[in-house]
Amino acid sequence: MKKVHFTENYLLNPHHPVTVFVIGAGGTGSQVITNLARMSMALRALGHPGLHVTVFDPDTVSTANIGRQLFSETELGLNKNGPGHTYQPFLRL
Protein backbone atom coordinates (compact mmCIF):
# COMPACT_ATOMS: atom_id res chain seq x y z
CA MET A 1 0.00 0.00 0.00
CA LYS A 2 1.37 3.38 -1.02
CA LYS A 3 1.25 6.08 1.65
CA VAL A 4 0.27 9.56 0.53
CA HIS A 5 0.80 12.59 2.73
CA PHE A 6 -1.15 15.77 2.11
CA THR A 7 -0.47 19.06 3.85
CA GLU A 8 -2.36 22.28 3.24
CA ASN A 9 -0.20 24.99 1.67
CA TYR A 10 -0.99 27.45 4.46
CA LEU A 11 0.73 25.06 6.92
CA LEU A 12 3.87 24.89 4.79
CA ASN A 13 4.02 28.66 4.16
CA PRO A 14 2.39 30.29 7.19
CA HIS A 15 1.71 34.01 7.22
CA HIS A 16 0.65 34.25 10.86
CA PRO A 17 2.23 33.04 14.11
CA VAL A 18 0.91 29.93 15.83
CA THR A 19 -1.34 30.88 18.76
CA VAL A 20 -0.64 29.17 22.09
CA PHE A 21 -2.50 29.69 25.39
CA VAL A 22 -0.67 28.82 28.62
CA ILE A 23 -2.85 28.44 31.71
CA GLY A 24 -0.67 29.03 34.76
CA ALA A 25 2.78 30.62 34.96
CA GLY A 26 3.91 28.66 38.02
CA GLY A 27 6.41 25.81 38.20
CA THR A 28 5.40 23.97 35.04
CA GLY A 29 3.99 27.00 33.20
CA SER A 30 7.14 29.09 33.62
CA GLN A 31 9.22 26.23 32.18
CA VAL A 32 6.78 25.84 29.27
CA ILE A 33 6.89 29.59 28.57
CA THR A 34 10.70 29.55 28.50
CA ASN A 35 10.79 26.64 26.08
CA LEU A 36 8.10 28.22 23.89
CA ALA A 37 10.34 31.30 23.64
CA ARG A 38 13.20 29.11 22.44
CA MET A 39 10.92 27.37 19.97
CA SER A 40 9.64 30.69 18.63
CA MET A 41 13.19 31.95 18.09
CA ALA A 42 14.08 28.76 16.18
CA LEU A 43 10.96 29.03 14.02
CA ARG A 44 11.73 32.67 13.20
CA ALA A 45 15.29 31.74 12.23
CA LEU A 46 13.75 29.31 9.72
CA GLY A 47 11.50 32.01 8.24
CA HIS A 48 8.34 31.07 10.13
CA PRO A 49 6.38 33.87 11.85
CA GLY A 50 6.93 32.15 15.21
CA LEU A 51 4.54 31.85 18.12
CA HIS A 52 1.96 34.15 19.68
CA VAL A 53 1.63 33.12 23.34
CA THR A 54 -0.95 34.37 25.83
CA VAL A 55 -0.44 33.56 29.53
CA PHE A 56 -3.32 33.31 31.99
CA ASP A 57 -2.48 33.27 35.72
CA PRO A 58 -4.20 35.46 38.34
CA ASP A 59 -1.63 34.52 41.01
CA THR A 60 1.08 36.87 42.27
CA VAL A 61 4.76 36.07 42.78
CA SER A 62 5.52 35.16 46.41
CA THR A 63 8.71 34.17 48.23
CA ALA A 64 7.68 30.51 47.87
CA ASN A 65 7.93 30.92 44.08
CA ILE A 66 11.56 32.10 44.13
CA GLY A 67 13.92 29.26 43.27
CA ARG A 68 11.16 26.78 42.36
CA GLN A 69 9.87 28.89 39.48
CA LEU A 70 11.48 31.26 36.99
CA PHE A 71 10.90 34.43 39.01
CA SER A 72 13.33 36.65 40.92
CA GLU A 73 13.06 38.67 44.14
CA THR A 74 12.53 41.84 42.11
CA GLU A 75 9.21 40.39 40.92
CA LEU A 76 7.74 39.74 44.38
CA GLY A 77 4.13 40.93 44.56
CA LEU A 78 3.76 41.27 40.79
CA ASN A 79 1.10 39.32 38.92
CA LYS A 80 2.62 36.26 37.26
CA ASN A 81 1.22 37.22 33.87
CA GLY A 82 1.26 40.98 34.28
CA PRO A 83 3.51 43.76 33.02
CA GLY A 84 6.95 44.10 34.54
CA HIS A 85 8.20 40.62 33.77
CA THR A 86 11.12 39.95 31.45
CA TYR A 87 9.27 37.60 29.11
CA GLN A 88 10.31 37.30 25.49
CA PRO A 89 8.58 39.68 23.03
CA PHE A 90 6.52 36.84 21.55
CA LEU A 91 4.23 36.90 24.59
CA ARG A 92 0.99 38.80 24.95
CA LEU A 93 0.18 39.17 28.62
PDB file of N, CA and C in Angstrom:
ATOM      1  N   MET A   1       0.839  -1.175   0.000  1.00  0.00           N
ATOM      2  CA  MET A   1       0.000   0.000   0.000  1.00  0.00           C
ATOM      3  C   MET A   1       0.891   1.247   0.000  1.00  0.00           C
ATOM      4  N   LYS A   2       0.610   2.155  -0.901  1.00  0.00           N
ATOM      5  CA  LYS A   2       1.374   3.379  -1.018  1.00  0.00           C
ATOM      6  C   LYS A   2       0.802   4.423  -0.054  1.00  0.00           C
ATOM      7  N   LYS A   3       1.682   5.043   0.714  1.00  0.00           N
ATOM      8  CA  LYS A   3       1.252   6.085   1.648  1.00  0.00           C
ATOM      9  C   LYS A   3       1.343   7.435   0.958  1.00  0.00           C
ATOM     10  N   VAL A   4       0.312   8.235   1.114  1.00  0.00           N
ATOM     11  CA  VAL A   4       0.271   9.565   0.535  1.00  0.00           C
ATOM     12  C   VAL A   4       0.063  10.569   1.663  1.00  0.00           C
ATOM     13  N   HIS A   5       0.915  11.559   1.718  1.00  0.00           N
ATOM     14  CA  HIS A   5       0.798  12.594   2.733  1.00  0.00           C
ATOM     15  C   HIS A   5       0.343  13.883   2.056  1.00  0.00           C
ATOM     16  N   PHE A   6      -0.650  14.505   2.641  1.00  0.00           N
ATOM     17  CA  PHE A   6      -1.155  15.768   2.109  1.00  0.00           C
ATOM     18  C   PHE A   6      -1.111  16.811   3.214  1.00  0.00           C
ATOM     19  N   THR A   7      -0.536  17.949   2.903  1.00  0.00           N
ATOM     20  CA  THR A   7      -0.475  19.056   3.852  1.00  0.00           C
ATOM     21  C   THR A   7      -0.948  20.316   3.154  1.00  0.00           C
ATOM     22  N   GLU A   8      -1.864  21.015   3.805  1.00  0.00           N
ATOM     23  CA  GLU A   8      -2.364  22.275   3.242  1.00  0.00           C
ATOM     24  C   GLU A   8      -1.202  23.251   3.055  1.00  0.00           C
ATOM     25  N   ASN A   9      -1.253  24.034   1.991  1.00  0.00           N
ATOM     26  CA  ASN A   9      -0.198  24.985   1.669  1.00  0.00           C
ATOM     27  C   ASN A   9      -0.014  26.021   2.770  1.00  0.00           C
ATOM     28  N   TYR A  10      -1.108  26.425   3.428  1.00  0.00           N
ATOM     29  CA  TYR A  10      -0.986  27.446   4.460  1.00  0.00           C
ATOM     30  C   TYR A  10      -0.189  26.931   5.670  1.00  0.00           C
ATOM     31  N   LEU A  11      -0.094  25.617   5.841  1.00  0.00           N
ATOM     32  CA  LEU A  11       0.734  25.063   6.918  1.00  0.00           C
ATOM     33  C   LEU A  11       2.208  25.051   6.536  1.00  0.00           C
ATOM     34  N   LEU A  12       2.486  24.912   5.260  1.00  0.00           N
ATOM     35  CA  LEU A  12       3.867  24.895   4.791  1.00  0.00           C
ATOM     36  C   LEU A  12       4.439  26.300   4.659  1.00  0.00           C
ATOM     37  N   ASN A  13       3.603  27.266   4.336  1.00  0.00           N
ATOM     38  CA  ASN A  13       4.021  28.655   4.157  1.00  0.00           C
ATOM     39  C   ASN A  13       3.134  29.566   5.006  1.00  0.00           C
ATOM     40  N   PRO A  14       3.282  29.516   6.326  1.00  0.00           N
ATOM     41  CA  PRO A  14       2.393  30.291   7.194  1.00  0.00           C
ATOM     42  C   PRO A  14       2.659  31.789   7.098  1.00  0.00           C
ATOM     43  N   HIS A  15       1.595  32.557   7.230  1.00  0.00           N
ATOM     44  CA  HIS A  15       1.705  34.011   7.218  1.00  0.00           C
ATOM     45  C   HIS A  15       1.456  34.602   8.598  1.00  0.00           C
ATOM     46  N   HIS A  16       0.981  33.785   9.519  1.00  0.00           N
ATOM     47  CA  HIS A  16       0.651  34.250  10.865  1.00  0.00           C
ATOM     48  C   HIS A  16       1.310  33.334  11.892  1.00  0.00           C
ATOM     49  N   PRO A  17       1.638  33.883  13.067  1.00  0.00           N
ATOM     50  CA  PRO A  17       2.226  33.042  14.106  1.00  0.00           C
ATOM     51  C   PRO A  17       1.223  32.021  14.643  1.00  0.00           C
ATOM     52  N   VAL A  18       1.736  30.951  15.192  1.00  0.00           N
ATOM     53  CA  VAL A  18       0.909  29.929  15.829  1.00  0.00           C
ATOM     54  C   VAL A  18       0.471  30.468  17.186  1.00  0.00           C
ATOM     55  N   THR A  19      -0.814  30.382  17.488  1.00  0.00           N
ATOM     56  CA  THR A  19      -1.343  30.875  18.757  1.00  0.00           C
ATOM     57  C   THR A  19      -1.309  29.775  19.806  1.00  0.00           C
ATOM     58  N   VAL A  20      -0.744  30.115  20.977  1.00  0.00           N
ATOM     59  CA  VAL A  20      -0.642  29.174  22.094  1.00  0.00           C
ATOM     60  C   VAL A  20      -1.158  29.871  23.347  1.00  0.00           C
ATOM     61  N   PHE A  21      -2.026  29.187  24.104  1.00  0.00           N
ATOM     62  CA  PHE A  21      -2.500  29.687  25.391  1.00  0.00           C
ATOM     63  C   PHE A  21      -1.871  28.851  26.494  1.00  0.00           C
ATOM     64  N   VAL A  22      -1.255  29.506  27.478  1.00  0.00           N
ATOM     65  CA  VAL A  22      -0.666  28.821  28.624  1.00  0.00           C
ATOM     66  C   VAL A  22      -1.489  29.207  29.851  1.00  0.00           C
ATOM     67  N   ILE A  23      -2.061  28.204  30.510  1.00  0.00           N
ATOM     68  CA  ILE A  23      -2.848  28.437  31.707  1.00  0.00           C
ATOM     69  C   ILE A  23      -1.957  28.135  32.902  1.00  0.00           C
ATOM     70  N   GLY A  24      -1.533  29.170  33.598  1.00  0.00           N
ATOM     71  CA  GLY A  24      -0.669  29.029  34.759  1.00  0.00           C
ATOM     72  C   GLY A  24       0.776  29.322  34.425  1.00  0.00           C
ATOM     73  N   ALA A  25       1.379  30.256  35.173  1.00  0.00           N
ATOM     74  CA  ALA A  25       2.777  30.623  34.965  1.00  0.00           C
ATOM     75  C   ALA A  25       3.616  30.215  36.160  1.00  0.00           C
ATOM     76  N   GLY A  26       3.197  29.148  36.839  1.00  0.00           N
ATOM     77  CA  GLY A  26       3.913  28.659  38.018  1.00  0.00           C
ATOM     78  C   GLY A  26       5.075  27.772  37.629  1.00  0.00           C
ATOM     79  N   GLY A  27       5.272  26.705  38.406  1.00  0.00           N
ATOM     80  CA  GLY A  27       6.414  25.809  38.198  1.00  0.00           C
ATOM     81  C   GLY A  27       6.476  25.240  36.804  1.00  0.00           C
ATOM     82  N   THR A  28       5.425  24.568  36.376  1.00  0.00           N
ATOM     83  CA  THR A  28       5.403  23.972  35.039  1.00  0.00           C
ATOM     84  C   THR A  28       5.219  25.036  33.970  1.00  0.00           C
ATOM     85  N   GLY A  29       4.286  25.961  34.191  1.00  0.00           N
ATOM     86  CA  GLY A  29       3.992  26.997  33.197  1.00  0.00           C
ATOM     87  C   GLY A  29       5.193  27.865  32.871  1.00  0.00           C
ATOM     88  N   SER A  30       5.978  28.234  33.888  1.00  0.00           N
ATOM     89  CA  SER A  30       7.142  29.086  33.620  1.00  0.00           C
ATOM     90  C   SER A  30       8.188  28.340  32.793  1.00  0.00           C
ATOM     91  N   GLN A  31       8.310  27.033  33.003  1.00  0.00           N
ATOM     92  CA  GLN A  31       9.220  26.235  32.182  1.00  0.00           C
ATOM     93  C   GLN A  31       8.702  26.130  30.743  1.00  0.00           C
ATOM     94  N   VAL A  32       7.391  25.922  30.600  1.00  0.00           N
ATOM     95  CA  VAL A  32       6.778  25.837  29.269  1.00  0.00           C
ATOM     96  C   VAL A  32       6.971  27.149  28.519  1.00  0.00           C
ATOM     97  N   ILE A  33       6.750  28.276  29.196  1.00  0.00           N
ATOM     98  CA  ILE A  33       6.890  29.593  28.565  1.00  0.00           C
ATOM     99  C   ILE A  33       8.326  29.798  28.070  1.00  0.00           C
ATOM    100  N   THR A  34       9.294  29.418  28.895  1.00  0.00           N
ATOM    101  CA  THR A  34      10.699  29.553  28.501  1.00  0.00           C
ATOM    102  C   THR A  34      11.006  28.727  27.259  1.00  0.00           C
ATOM    103  N   ASN A  35      10.523  27.503  27.234  1.00  0.00           N
ATOM    104  CA  ASN A  35      10.787  26.637  26.077  1.00  0.00           C
ATOM    105  C   ASN A  35      10.013  27.083  24.840  1.00  0.00           C
ATOM    106  N   LEU A  36       8.831  27.662  25.027  1.00  0.00           N
ATOM    107  CA  LEU A  36       8.101  28.220  23.885  1.00  0.00           C
ATOM    108  C   LEU A  36       8.867  29.399  23.291  1.00  0.00           C
ATOM    109  N   ALA A  37       9.515  30.183  24.136  1.00  0.00           N
ATOM    110  CA  ALA A  37      10.337  31.299  23.639  1.00  0.00           C
ATOM    111  C   ALA A  37      11.474  30.783  22.774  1.00  0.00           C
ATOM    112  N   ARG A  38      12.113  29.711  23.233  1.00  0.00           N
ATOM    113  CA  ARG A  38      13.197  29.114  22.443  1.00  0.00           C
ATOM    114  C   ARG A  38      12.674  28.570  21.110  1.00  0.00           C
ATOM    115  N   MET A  39      11.513  27.922  21.176  1.00  0.00           N
ATOM    116  CA  MET A  39      10.916  27.367  19.966  1.00  0.00           C
ATOM    117  C   MET A  39      10.556  28.479  18.981  1.00  0.00           C
ATOM    118  N   SER A  40      10.016  29.579  19.499  1.00  0.00           N
ATOM    119  CA  SER A  40       9.643  30.692  18.632  1.00  0.00           C
ATOM    120  C   SER A  40      10.869  31.285  17.945  1.00  0.00           C
ATOM    121  N   MET A  41      11.961  31.415  18.684  1.00  0.00           N
ATOM    122  CA  MET A  41      13.190  31.951  18.089  1.00  0.00           C
ATOM    123  C   MET A  41      13.701  31.026  16.981  1.00  0.00           C
ATOM    124  N   ALA A  42      13.638  29.723  17.201  1.00  0.00           N
ATOM    125  CA  ALA A  42      14.085  28.764  16.182  1.00  0.00           C
ATOM    126  C   ALA A  42      13.192  28.834  14.948  1.00  0.00           C
ATOM    127  N   LEU A  43      11.890  28.924  15.157  1.00  0.00           N
ATOM    128  CA  LEU A  43      10.963  29.032  14.020  1.00  0.00           C
ATOM    129  C   LEU A  43      11.224  30.293  13.219  1.00  0.00           C
ATOM    130  N   ARG A  44      11.453  31.410  13.904  1.00  0.00           N
ATOM    131  CA  ARG A  44      11.726  32.670  13.203  1.00  0.00           C
ATOM    132  C   ARG A  44      13.022  32.594  12.409  1.00  0.00           C
ATOM    133  N   ALA A  45      14.016  31.899  12.942  1.00  0.00           N
ATOM    134  CA  ALA A  45      15.289  31.737  12.227  1.00  0.00           C
ATOM    135  C   ALA A  45      15.097  30.945  10.944  1.00  0.00           C
ATOM    136  N   LEU A  46      14.049  30.108  10.909  1.00  0.00           N
ATOM    137  CA  LEU A  46      13.746  29.312   9.719  1.00  0.00           C
ATOM    138  C   LEU A  46      12.765  30.006   8.776  1.00  0.00           C
ATOM    139  N   GLY A  47      12.401  31.258   9.101  1.00  0.00           N
ATOM    140  CA  GLY A  47      11.504  32.008   8.235  1.00  0.00           C
ATOM    141  C   GLY A  47      10.031  31.895   8.593  1.00  0.00           C
ATOM    142  N   HIS A  48       9.722  31.208   9.658  1.00  0.00           N
ATOM    143  CA  HIS A  48       8.335  31.067  10.131  1.00  0.00           C
ATOM    144  C   HIS A  48       7.998  32.290  10.980  1.00  0.00           C
ATOM    145  N   PRO A  49       6.736  32.712  11.029  1.00  0.00           N
ATOM    146  CA  PRO A  49       6.380  33.873  11.852  1.00  0.00           C
ATOM    147  C   PRO A  49       6.519  33.640  13.360  1.00  0.00           C
ATOM    148  N   GLY A  50       6.718  32.413  13.793  1.00  0.00           N
ATOM    149  CA  GLY A  50       6.926  32.150  15.211  1.00  0.00           C
ATOM    150  C   GLY A  50       5.631  31.862  15.959  1.00  0.00           C
ATOM    151  N   LEU A  51       5.666  32.139  17.254  1.00  0.00           N
ATOM    152  CA  LEU A  51       4.537  31.846  18.124  1.00  0.00           C
ATOM    153  C   LEU A  51       3.940  33.128  18.694  1.00  0.00           C
ATOM    154  N   HIS A  52       2.658  33.075  18.986  1.00  0.00           N
ATOM    155  CA  HIS A  52       1.957  34.155  19.685  1.00  0.00           C
ATOM    156  C   HIS A  52       1.374  33.509  20.938  1.00  0.00           C
ATOM    157  N   VAL A  53       1.992  33.795  22.091  1.00  0.00           N
ATOM    158  CA  VAL A  53       1.628  33.119  23.338  1.00  0.00           C
ATOM    159  C   VAL A  53       0.893  34.080  24.264  1.00  0.00           C
ATOM    160  N   THR A  54      -0.211  33.615  24.824  1.00  0.00           N
ATOM    161  CA  THR A  54      -0.952  34.365  25.832  1.00  0.00           C
ATOM    162  C   THR A  54      -0.915  33.565  27.126  1.00  0.00           C
ATOM    163  N   VAL A  55      -0.549  34.220  28.223  1.00  0.00           N
ATOM    164  CA  VAL A  55      -0.440  33.562  29.526  1.00  0.00           C
ATOM    165  C   VAL A  55      -1.590  34.005  30.411  1.00  0.00           C
ATOM    166  N   PHE A  56      -2.241  33.038  31.049  1.00  0.00           N
ATOM    167  CA  PHE A  56      -3.318  33.308  31.991  1.00  0.00           C
ATOM    168  C   PHE A  56      -2.902  32.784  33.364  1.00  0.00           C
ATOM    169  N   ASP A  57      -2.774  33.678  34.339  1.00  0.00           N
ATOM    170  CA  ASP A  57      -2.484  33.272  35.721  1.00  0.00           C
ATOM    171  C   ASP A  57      -2.791  34.452  36.638  1.00  0.00           C
ATOM    172  N   PRO A  58      -3.839  34.351  37.458  1.00  0.00           N
ATOM    173  CA  PRO A  58      -4.199  35.459  38.338  1.00  0.00           C
ATOM    174  C   PRO A  58      -3.337  35.545  39.600  1.00  0.00           C
ATOM    175  N   ASP A  59      -2.450  34.584  39.811  1.00  0.00           N
ATOM    176  CA  ASP A  59      -1.631  34.519  41.012  1.00  0.00           C
ATOM    177  C   ASP A  59      -0.537  35.583  40.983  1.00  0.00           C
ATOM    178  N   THR A  60      -0.038  35.947  42.176  1.00  0.00           N
ATOM    179  CA  THR A  60       1.083  36.874  42.269  1.00  0.00           C
ATOM    180  C   THR A  60       2.332  36.121  42.717  1.00  0.00           C
ATOM    181  N   VAL A  61       3.482  36.689  42.426  1.00  0.00           N
ATOM    182  CA  VAL A  61       4.763  36.072  42.783  1.00  0.00           C
ATOM    183  C   VAL A  61       4.991  36.243  44.284  1.00  0.00           C
ATOM    184  N   SER A  62       5.245  35.129  44.964  1.00  0.00           N
ATOM    185  CA  SER A  62       5.523  35.156  46.408  1.00  0.00           C
ATOM    186  C   SER A  62       6.911  34.581  46.662  1.00  0.00           C
ATOM    187  N   THR A  63       7.379  34.693  47.903  1.00  0.00           N
ATOM    188  CA  THR A  63       8.710  34.174  48.234  1.00  0.00           C
ATOM    189  C   THR A  63       8.793  32.666  47.998  1.00  0.00           C
ATOM    190  N   ALA A  64       7.681  31.957  48.125  1.00  0.00           N
ATOM    191  CA  ALA A  64       7.677  30.514  47.873  1.00  0.00           C
ATOM    192  C   ALA A  64       7.958  30.189  46.411  1.00  0.00           C
ATOM    193  N   ASN A  65       7.714  31.141  45.513  1.00  0.00           N
ATOM    194  CA  ASN A  65       7.935  30.920  44.078  1.00  0.00           C
ATOM    195  C   ASN A  65       9.397  31.079  43.676  1.00  0.00           C
ATOM    196  N   ILE A  66      10.167  31.841  44.459  1.00  0.00           N
ATOM    197  CA  ILE A  66      11.562  32.105  44.126  1.00  0.00           C
ATOM    198  C   ILE A  66      12.356  30.807  44.265  1.00  0.00           C
ATOM    199  N   GLY A  67      13.107  30.469  43.245  1.00  0.00           N
ATOM    200  CA  GLY A  67      13.915  29.257  43.269  1.00  0.00           C
ATOM    201  C   GLY A  67      13.200  28.068  42.642  1.00  0.00           C
ATOM    202  N   ARG A  68      11.905  27.894  42.939  1.00  0.00           N
ATOM    203  CA  ARG A  68      11.161  26.781  42.359  1.00  0.00           C
ATOM    204  C   ARG A  68      10.642  27.143  40.975  1.00  0.00           C
ATOM    205  N   GLN A  69      10.426  28.417  40.747  1.00  0.00           N
ATOM    206  CA  GLN A  69       9.875  28.887  39.484  1.00  0.00           C
ATOM    207  C   GLN A  69      10.803  29.936  38.900  1.00  0.00           C
ATOM    208  N   LEU A  70      10.573  30.327  37.670  1.00  0.00           N
ATOM    209  CA  LEU A  70      11.481  31.258  36.991  1.00  0.00           C
ATOM    210  C   LEU A  70      11.127  32.717  37.290  1.00  0.00           C
ATOM    211  N   PHE A  71      11.129  33.056  38.572  1.00  0.00           N
ATOM    212  CA  PHE A  71      10.899  34.427  39.007  1.00  0.00           C
ATOM    213  C   PHE A  71      12.039  34.834  39.927  1.00  0.00           C
ATOM    214  N   SER A  72      12.264  36.149  40.052  1.00  0.00           N
ATOM    215  CA  SER A  72      13.329  36.650  40.922  1.00  0.00           C
ATOM    216  C   SER A  72      12.719  37.484  42.037  1.00  0.00           C
ATOM    217  N   GLU A  73      13.537  37.870  43.009  1.00  0.00           N
ATOM    218  CA  GLU A  73      13.064  38.668  44.139  1.00  0.00           C
ATOM    219  C   GLU A  73      12.528  40.021  43.699  1.00  0.00           C
ATOM    220  N   THR A  74      13.017  40.536  42.599  1.00  0.00           N
ATOM    221  CA  THR A  74      12.532  41.837  42.111  1.00  0.00           C
ATOM    222  C   THR A  74      11.088  41.766  41.627  1.00  0.00           C
ATOM    223  N   GLU A  75      10.570  40.555  41.417  1.00  0.00           N
ATOM    224  CA  GLU A  75       9.207  40.386  40.919  1.00  0.00           C
ATOM    225  C   GLU A  75       8.193  40.046  42.021  1.00  0.00           C
ATOM    226  N   LEU A  76       8.639  40.044  43.274  1.00  0.00           N
ATOM    227  CA  LEU A  76       7.740  39.737  44.383  1.00  0.00           C
ATOM    228  C   LEU A  76       6.542  40.695  44.383  1.00  0.00           C
ATOM    229  N   GLY A  77       5.353  40.134  44.520  1.00  0.00           N
ATOM    230  CA  GLY A  77       4.129  40.931  44.559  1.00  0.00           C
ATOM    231  C   GLY A  77       3.525  41.237  43.203  1.00  0.00           C
ATOM    232  N   LEU A  78       4.287  41.014  42.126  1.00  0.00           N
ATOM    233  CA  LEU A  78       3.759  41.266  40.786  1.00  0.00           C
ATOM    234  C   LEU A  78       2.884  40.095  40.351  1.00  0.00           C
ATOM    235  N   ASN A  79       1.925  40.382  39.483  1.00  0.00           N
ATOM    236  CA  ASN A  79       1.099  39.321  38.919  1.00  0.00           C
ATOM    237  C   ASN A  79       1.970  38.473  38.015  1.00  0.00           C
ATOM    238  N   LYS A  80       1.782  37.162  38.059  1.00  0.00           N
ATOM    239  CA  LYS A  80       2.622  36.258  37.263  1.00  0.00           C
ATOM    240  C   LYS A  80       2.473  36.456  35.766  1.00  0.00           C
ATOM    241  N   ASN A  81       1.366  36.990  35.314  1.00  0.00           N
ATOM    242  CA  ASN A  81       1.220  37.219  33.874  1.00  0.00           C
ATOM    243  C   ASN A  81       1.085  38.695  33.558  1.00  0.00           C
ATOM    244  N   GLY A  82       1.429  39.546  34.478  1.00  0.00           N
ATOM    245  CA  GLY A  82       1.261  40.985  34.277  1.00  0.00           C
ATOM    246  C   GLY A  82       2.504  41.668  33.757  1.00  0.00           C
ATOM    247  N   PRO A  83       2.372  42.972  33.498  1.00  0.00           N
ATOM    248  CA  PRO A  83       3.508  43.757  33.020  1.00  0.00           C
ATOM    249  C   PRO A  83       4.616  43.797  34.065  1.00  0.00           C
ATOM    250  N   GLY A  84       5.822  44.001  33.630  1.00  0.00           N
ATOM    251  CA  GLY A  84       6.949  44.098  34.536  1.00  0.00           C
ATOM    252  C   GLY A  84       7.834  42.871  34.506  1.00  0.00           C
ATOM    253  N   HIS A  85       7.394  41.819  33.863  1.00  0.00           N
ATOM    254  CA  HIS A  85       8.205  40.619  33.775  1.00  0.00           C
ATOM    255  C   HIS A  85       9.081  40.683  32.534  1.00  0.00           C
ATOM    256  N   THR A  86      10.143  39.908  32.535  1.00  0.00           N
ATOM    257  CA  THR A  86      11.117  39.947  31.452  1.00  0.00           C
ATOM    258  C   THR A  86      10.867  38.814  30.463  1.00  0.00           C
ATOM    259  N   TYR A  87       9.607  38.617  30.086  1.00  0.00           N
ATOM    260  CA  TYR A  87       9.272  37.599  29.106  1.00  0.00           C
ATOM    261  C   TYR A  87       9.759  38.013  27.727  1.00  0.00           C
ATOM    262  N   GLN A  88       9.907  37.032  26.864  1.00  0.00           N
ATOM    263  CA  GLN A  88      10.310  37.300  25.486  1.00  0.00           C
ATOM    264  C   GLN A  88       9.213  38.092  24.776  1.00  0.00           C
ATOM    265  N   PRO A  89       9.561  38.833  23.721  1.00  0.00           N
ATOM    266  CA  PRO A  89       8.582  39.677  23.028  1.00  0.00           C
ATOM    267  C   PRO A  89       7.486  38.910  22.293  1.00  0.00           C
ATOM    268  N   PHE A  90       7.560  37.591  22.239  1.00  0.00           N
ATOM    269  CA  PHE A  90       6.518  36.840  21.554  1.00  0.00           C
ATOM    270  C   PHE A  90       5.280  36.686  22.415  1.00  0.00           C
ATOM    271  N   LEU A  91       5.357  37.079  23.665  1.00  0.00           N
ATOM    272  CA  LEU A  91       4.233  36.905  24.587  1.00  0.00           C
ATOM    273  C   LEU A  91       3.267  38.077  24.571  1.00  0.00           C
ATOM    274  N   ARG A  92       2.006  37.762  24.697  1.00  0.00           N
ATOM    275  CA  ARG A  92       0.992  38.797  24.947  1.00  0.00           C
ATOM    276  C   ARG A  92       0.427  38.481  26.321  1.00  0.00           C
ATOM    277  N   LEU A  93       0.604  39.408  27.240  1.00  0.00           N
ATOM    278  CA  LEU A  93       0.181  39.172  28.620  1.00  0.00           C
ATOM    279  C   LEU A  93      -1.148  39.802  28.910  1.00  0.00           C
TER     280      LEU A  93
END
